[in-house]
């Protein structure tokens, strides 16, 4: 049982730094870029995500 606890603690110590810092910033940047590209294509960030309809001028 002691070996199992030691193994779990070692995995936790190795994985914890991967879940913080630059990884979080990179994921946020990727999400922001994706949202920007969707906006360029005419999509809006609503629930549900929909594509904006082209506005036609009334004559």
PDB file of N, CA and C in Angstrom:
ATOM      1  N   UNK A   1       0.831  -1.191   0.000  1.00  0.00           N
ATOM      2  CA  UNK A   1       0.000   0.000   0.000  1.00  0.00           C
ATOM      3  C   UNK A   1       0.875   1.254   0.000  1.00  0.00           C
ATOM      4  N   UNK A   2       2.017   1.214   0.643  1.00  0.00           N
ATOM      5  CA  UNK A   2       2.913   2.360   0.688  1.00  0.00           C
ATOM      6  C   UNK A   2       3.485   2.690  -0.677  1.00  0.00           C
ATOM      7  N   UNK A   3       3.757   1.656  -1.479  1.00  0.00           N
ATOM      8  CA  UNK A   3       4.299   1.860  -2.823  1.00  0.00           C
ATOM      9  C   UNK A   3       3.257   2.528  -3.717  1.00  0.00           C
ATOM     10  N   UNK A   4       2.029   2.123  -3.550  1.00  0.00           N
ATOM     11  CA  UNK A   4       0.951   2.714  -4.358  1.00  0.00           C
ATOM     12  C   UNK A   4       0.788   4.195  -4.034  1.00  0.00           C
ATOM     13  N   UNK A   5       0.805   4.555  -2.779  1.00  0.00           N
ATOM     14  CA  UNK A   5       0.699   5.963  -2.379  1.00  0.00           C
ATOM     15  C   UNK A   5       1.874   6.774  -2.922  1.00  0.00           C
ATOM     16  N   UNK A   6       3.051   6.189  -2.866  1.00  0.00           N
ATOM     17  CA  UNK A   6       4.242   6.871  -3.375  1.00  0.00           C
ATOM     18  C   UNK A   6       4.130   7.093  -4.890  1.00  0.00           C
ATOM     19  N   UNK A   7       3.630   6.104  -5.605  1.00  0.00           N
ATOM     20  CA  UNK A   7       3.448   6.224  -7.048  1.00  0.00           C
ATOM     21  C   UNK A   7       2.417   7.308  -7.382  1.00  0.00           C
ATOM     22  N   UNK A   8       1.311   7.336  -6.676  1.00  0.00           N
ATOM     23  CA  UNK A   8       0.278   8.352  -6.898  1.00  0.00           C
ATOM     24  C   UNK A   8       0.824   9.746  -6.597  1.00  0.00           C
ATOM     25  N   UNK A   9       1.573   9.882  -5.522  1.00  0.00           N
ATOM     26  CA  UNK A   9       2.168  11.172  -5.171  1.00  0.00           C
ATOM     27  C   UNK A   9       3.165  11.616  -6.233  1.00  0.00           C
ATOM     28  N   UNK A  10       3.952  10.695  -6.753  1.00  0.00           N
ATOM     29  CA  UNK A  10       4.934  11.036  -7.785  1.00  0.00           C
ATOM     30  C   UNK A  10       4.239  11.491  -9.071  1.00  0.00           C
ATOM     31  N   UNK A  11       3.185  10.810  -9.461  1.00  0.00           N
ATOM     32  CA  UNK A  11       2.427  11.201 -10.655  1.00  0.00           C
ATOM     33  C   UNK A  11       1.816  12.589 -10.456  1.00  0.00           C
ATOM     34  N   UNK A  12       1.270  12.843  -9.281  1.00  0.00           N
ATOM     35  CA  UNK A  12       0.673  14.139  -8.973  1.00  0.00           C
ATOM     36  C   UNK A  12       1.708  15.255  -9.067  1.00  0.00           C
ATOM     37  N   UNK A  13       2.897  15.021  -8.538  1.00  0.00           N
ATOM     38  CA  UNK A  13       3.964  16.032  -8.563  1.00  0.00           C
ATOM     39  C   UNK A  13       4.418  16.310  -9.997  1.00  0.00           C
ATOM     40  N   UNK A  14       4.425  15.303 -10.852  1.00  0.00           N
ATOM     41  CA  UNK A  14       4.854  15.483 -12.237  1.00  0.00           C
ATOM     42  C   UNK A  14       3.772  16.177 -13.063  1.00  0.00           C
ATOM     43  N   UNK A  15       2.514  15.823 -12.846  1.00  0.00           N
ATOM     44  CA  UNK A  15       1.416  16.347 -13.659  1.00  0.00           C
ATOM     45  C   UNK A  15       1.018  17.764 -13.256  1.00  0.00           C
ATOM     46  N   UNK A  16       1.119  18.127 -12.014  1.00  0.00           N
ATOM     47  CA  UNK A  16       0.670  19.434 -11.537  1.00  0.00           C
ATOM     48  C   UNK A  16       1.308  20.599 -12.291  1.00  0.00           C
ATOM     49  N   UNK A  17       2.614  20.629 -12.538  1.00  0.00           N
ATOM     50  CA  UNK A  17       3.184  21.752 -13.290  1.00  0.00           C
ATOM     51  C   UNK A  17       2.677  21.841 -14.735  1.00  0.00           C
ATOM     52  N   UNK A  18       2.272  20.724 -15.308  1.00  0.00           N
ATOM     53  CA  UNK A  18       1.767  20.742 -16.680  1.00  0.00           C
ATOM     54  C   UNK A  18       0.403  21.418 -16.790  1.00  0.00           C
ATOM     55  N   UNK A  19      -0.318  21.505 -15.693  1.00  0.00           N
ATOM     56  CA  UNK A  19      -1.659  22.073 -15.712  1.00  0.00           C
ATOM     57  C   UNK A  19      -1.678  23.556 -15.364  1.00  0.00           C
ATOM     58  N   UNK A  20      -0.541  24.166 -15.228  1.00  0.00           N
ATOM     59  CA  UNK A  20      -0.503  25.574 -14.861  1.00  0.00           C
ATOM     60  C   UNK A  20       0.468  26.318 -15.762  1.00  0.00           C
ATOM     61  N   UNK A  21       0.512  27.610 -15.608  1.00  0.00           N
ATOM     62  CA  UNK A  21       1.505  28.420 -16.305  1.00  0.00           C
ATOM     63  C   UNK A  21       1.263  28.556 -17.787  1.00  0.00           C
ATOM     64  N   UNK A  22       2.273  28.284 -18.556  1.00  0.00           N
ATOM     65  CA  UNK A  22       2.242  28.519 -19.999  1.00  0.00           C
ATOM     66  C   UNK A  22       1.180  27.687 -20.713  1.00  0.00           C
ATOM     67  N   UNK A  23       0.865  26.510 -20.209  1.00  0.00           N
ATOM     68  CA  UNK A  23      -0.150  25.675 -20.861  1.00  0.00           C
ATOM     69  C   UNK A  23      -1.505  26.374 -20.836  1.00  0.00           C
ATOM     70  N   UNK A  24      -1.825  27.011 -19.723  1.00  0.00           N
ATOM     71  CA  UNK A  24      -3.101  27.712 -19.603  1.00  0.00           C
ATOM     72  C   UNK A  24      -3.142  28.898 -20.553  1.00  0.00           C
ATOM     73  N   UNK A  25      -2.045  29.640 -20.631  1.00  0.00           N
ATOM     74  CA  UNK A  25      -1.982  30.803 -21.515  1.00  0.00           C
ATOM     75  C   UNK A  25      -2.089  30.364 -22.978  1.00  0.00           C
ATOM     76  N   UNK A  26      -1.430  29.280 -23.328  1.00  0.00           N
ATOM     77  CA  UNK A  26      -1.487  28.783 -24.707  1.00  0.00           C
ATOM     78  C   UNK A  26      -2.903  28.343 -25.074  1.00  0.00           C
ATOM     79  N   UNK A  27      -3.592  27.679 -24.167  1.00  0.00           N
ATOM     80  CA  UNK A  27      -4.965  27.236 -24.427  1.00  0.00           C
ATOM     81  C   UNK A  27      -5.899  28.437 -24.570  1.00  0.00           C
ATOM     82  N   UNK A  28      -5.725  29.448 -23.735  1.00  0.00           N
ATOM     83  CA  UNK A  28      -6.555  30.653 -23.828  1.00  0.00           C
ATOM     84  C   UNK A  28      -6.295  31.377 -25.141  1.00  0.00           C
ATOM     85  N   UNK A  29      -5.047  31.448 -25.556  1.00  0.00           N
ATOM     86  CA  UNK A  29      -4.711  32.087 -26.823  1.00  0.00           C
ATOM     87  C   UNK A  29      -5.304  31.354 -28.008  1.00  0.00           C
ATOM     88  N   UNK A  30      -5.273  30.037 -27.968  1.00  0.00           N
ATOM     89  CA  UNK A  30      -5.846  29.241 -29.056  1.00  0.00           C
ATOM     90  C   UNK A  30      -7.355  29.448 -29.135  1.00  0.00           C
ATOM     91  N   UNK A  31      -8.013  29.519 -27.991  1.00  0.00           N
ATOM     92  CA  UNK A  31      -9.460  29.763 -27.973  1.00  0.00           C
ATOM     93  C   UNK A  31      -9.810  31.144 -28.495  1.00  0.00           C
ATOM     94  N   UNK A  32      -9.025  32.138 -28.111  1.00  0.00           N
ATOM     95  CA  UNK A  32      -9.270  33.500 -28.580  1.00  0.00           C
ATOM     96  C   UNK A  32      -9.072  33.594 -30.095  1.00  0.00           C
ATOM     97  N   UNK A  33      -8.047  32.949 -30.609  1.00  0.00           N
ATOM     98  CA  UNK A  33      -7.786  32.963 -32.054  1.00  0.00           C
ATOM     99  C   UNK A  33      -8.925  32.275 -32.807  1.00  0.00           C
ATOM    100  N   UNK A  34      -9.405  31.171 -32.258  1.00  0.00           N
ATOM    101  CA  UNK A  34     -10.524  30.471 -32.889  1.00  0.00           C
ATOM    102  C   UNK A  34     -11.777  31.333 -32.929  1.00  0.00           C
ATOM    103  N   UNK A  35     -12.054  32.044 -31.842  1.00  0.00           N
ATOM    104  CA  UNK A  35     -13.200  32.946 -31.807  1.00  0.00           C
ATOM    105  C   UNK A  35     -13.057  34.084 -32.801  1.00  0.00           C
ATOM    106  N   UNK A  36     -11.851  34.614 -32.931  1.00  0.00           N
ATOM    107  CA  UNK A  36     -11.581  35.696 -33.879  1.00  0.00           C
ATOM    108  C   UNK A  36     -11.824  35.224 -35.316  1.00  0.00           C
ATOM    109  N   UNK A  37     -11.337  34.035 -35.643  1.00  0.00           N
ATOM    110  CA  UNK A  37     -11.513  33.499 -36.991  1.00  0.00           C
ATOM    111  C   UNK A  37     -12.989  33.206 -37.276  1.00  0.00           C
ATOM    112  N   UNK A  38     -13.720  32.727 -36.279  1.00  0.00           N
ATOM    113  CA  UNK A  38     -15.150  32.481 -36.471  1.00  0.00           C
ATOM    114  C   UNK A  38     -15.879  33.793 -36.741  1.00  0.00           C
ATOM    115  N   UNK A  39     -15.501  34.861 -36.031  1.00  0.00           N
ATOM    116  CA  UNK A  39     -16.136  36.160 -36.234  1.00  0.00           C
ATOM    117  C   UNK A  39     -15.869  36.662 -37.646  1.00  0.00           C
ATOM    118  N   UNK A  40     -14.658  36.423 -38.164  1.00  0.00           N
ATOM    119  CA  UNK A  40     -14.350  36.813 -39.546  1.00  0.00           C
ATOM    120  C   UNK A  40     -15.237  36.094 -40.549  1.00  0.00           C
ATOM    121  N   UNK A  41     -15.619  34.868 -40.251  1.00  0.00           N
ATOM    122  CA  UNK A  41     -16.454  34.079 -41.154  1.00  0.00           C
ATOM    123  C   UNK A  41     -17.937  34.393 -41.000  1.00  0.00           C
ATOM    124  N   UNK A  42     -18.289  35.265 -40.035  1.00  0.00           N
ATOM    125  CA  UNK A  42     -19.680  35.674 -39.887  1.00  0.00           C
ATOM    126  C   UNK A  42     -20.437  34.977 -38.777  1.00  0.00           C
ATOM    127  N   UNK A  43     -19.751  34.216 -37.948  1.00  0.00           N
ATOM    128  CA  UNK A  43     -20.419  33.540 -36.844  1.00  0.00           C
ATOM    129  C   UNK A  43     -20.438  34.434 -35.616  1.00  0.00           C
ATOM    130  N   UNK A  44     -21.474  34.294 -34.803  1.00  0.00           N
ATOM    131  CA  UNK A  44     -21.553  35.039 -33.550  1.00  0.00           C
ATOM    132  C   UNK A  44     -21.375  34.071 -32.395  1.00  0.00           C
ATOM    133  N   UNK A  45     -20.898  34.575 -31.276  1.00  0.00           N
ATOM    134  CA  UNK A  45     -20.693  33.733 -30.105  1.00  0.00           C
ATOM    135  C   UNK A  45     -21.904  33.840 -29.195  1.00  0.00           C
ATOM    136  N   UNK A  46     -22.946  33.138 -29.590  1.00  0.00           N
ATOM    137  CA  UNK A  46     -24.178  33.081 -28.822  1.00  0.00           C
ATOM    138  C   UNK A  46     -24.441  31.620 -28.491  1.00  0.00           C
ATOM    139  N   UNK A  47     -25.483  31.389 -27.751  1.00  0.00           N
ATOM    140  CA  UNK A  47     -25.867  30.012 -27.472  1.00  0.00           C
ATOM    141  C   UNK A  47     -27.194  29.764 -28.160  1.00  0.00           C
ATOM    142  N   UNK A  48     -27.323  28.994 -29.167  1.00  0.00           N
ATOM    143  CA  UNK A  48     -26.274  28.263 -29.857  1.00  0.00           C
ATOM    144  C   UNK A  48     -25.495  29.164 -30.815  1.00  0.00           C
ATOM    145  N   UNK A  49     -24.328  28.708 -31.246  1.00  0.00           N
ATOM    146  CA  UNK A  49     -23.502  29.467 -32.176  1.00  0.00           C
ATOM    147  C   UNK A  49     -24.216  29.496 -33.525  1.00  0.00           C
ATOM    148  N   UNK A  50     -24.417  30.690 -34.051  1.00  0.00           N
ATOM    149  CA  UNK A  50     -25.126  30.832 -35.315  1.00  0.00           C
ATOM    150  C   UNK A  50     -24.330  31.726 -36.258  1.00  0.00           C
ATOM    151  N   UNK A  51     -24.629  31.621 -37.519  1.00  0.00           N
ATOM    152  CA  UNK A  51     -23.978  32.476 -38.497  1.00  0.00           C
ATOM    153  C   UNK A  51     -24.878  33.684 -38.734  1.00  0.00           C
ATOM    154  N   UNK A  52     -24.262  34.881 -38.733  1.00  0.00           N
ATOM    155  CA  UNK A  52     -25.034  36.097 -38.943  1.00  0.00           C
ATOM    156  C   UNK A  52     -25.586  36.110 -40.361  1.00  0.00           C
ATOM    157  N   UNK A  53     -26.807  36.592 -40.496  1.00  0.00           N
ATOM    158  CA  UNK A  53     -27.404  36.716 -41.825  1.00  0.00           C
ATOM    159  C   UNK A  53     -26.950  38.046 -42.404  1.00  0.00           C
ATOM    160  N   UNK A  54     -26.688  38.026 -43.697  1.00  0.00           N
ATOM    161  CA  UNK A  54     -26.241  39.258 -44.354  1.00  0.00           C
ATOM    162  C   UNK A  54     -27.382  40.264 -44.339  1.00  0.00           C
ATOM    163  N   UNK A  55     -27.050  41.482 -43.969  1.00  0.00           N
ATOM    164  CA  UNK A  55     -28.047  42.541 -43.897  1.00  0.00           C
ATOM    165  C   UNK A  55     -28.213  43.151 -45.282  1.00  0.00           C
ATOM    166  N   UNK A  56     -29.440  43.136 -45.766  1.00  0.00           N
ATOM    167  CA  UNK A  56     -29.742  43.725 -47.076  1.00  0.00           C
ATOM    168  C   UNK A  56     -30.372  45.088 -46.836  1.00  0.00           C
ATOM    169  N   UNK A  57     -29.943  46.056 -47.600  1.00  0.00           N
ATOM    170  CA  UNK A  57     -30.510  47.396 -47.430  1.00  0.00           C
ATOM    171  C   UNK A  57     -31.903  47.437 -48.028  1.00  0.00           C
ATOM    172  N   UNK A  58     -32.838  48.033 -47.307  1.00  0.00           N
ATOM    173  CA  UNK A  58     -34.222  48.145 -47.777  1.00  0.00           C
ATOM    174  C   UNK A  58     -34.315  49.306 -48.749  1.00  0.00           C
ATOM    175  N   UNK A  59     -34.883  49.018 -49.898  1.00  0.00           N
ATOM    176  CA  UNK A  59     -35.033  50.071 -50.926  1.00  0.00           C
ATOM    177  C   UNK A  59     -36.486  50.354 -51.141  1.00  0.00           C
TER     178      UNK A  59
END
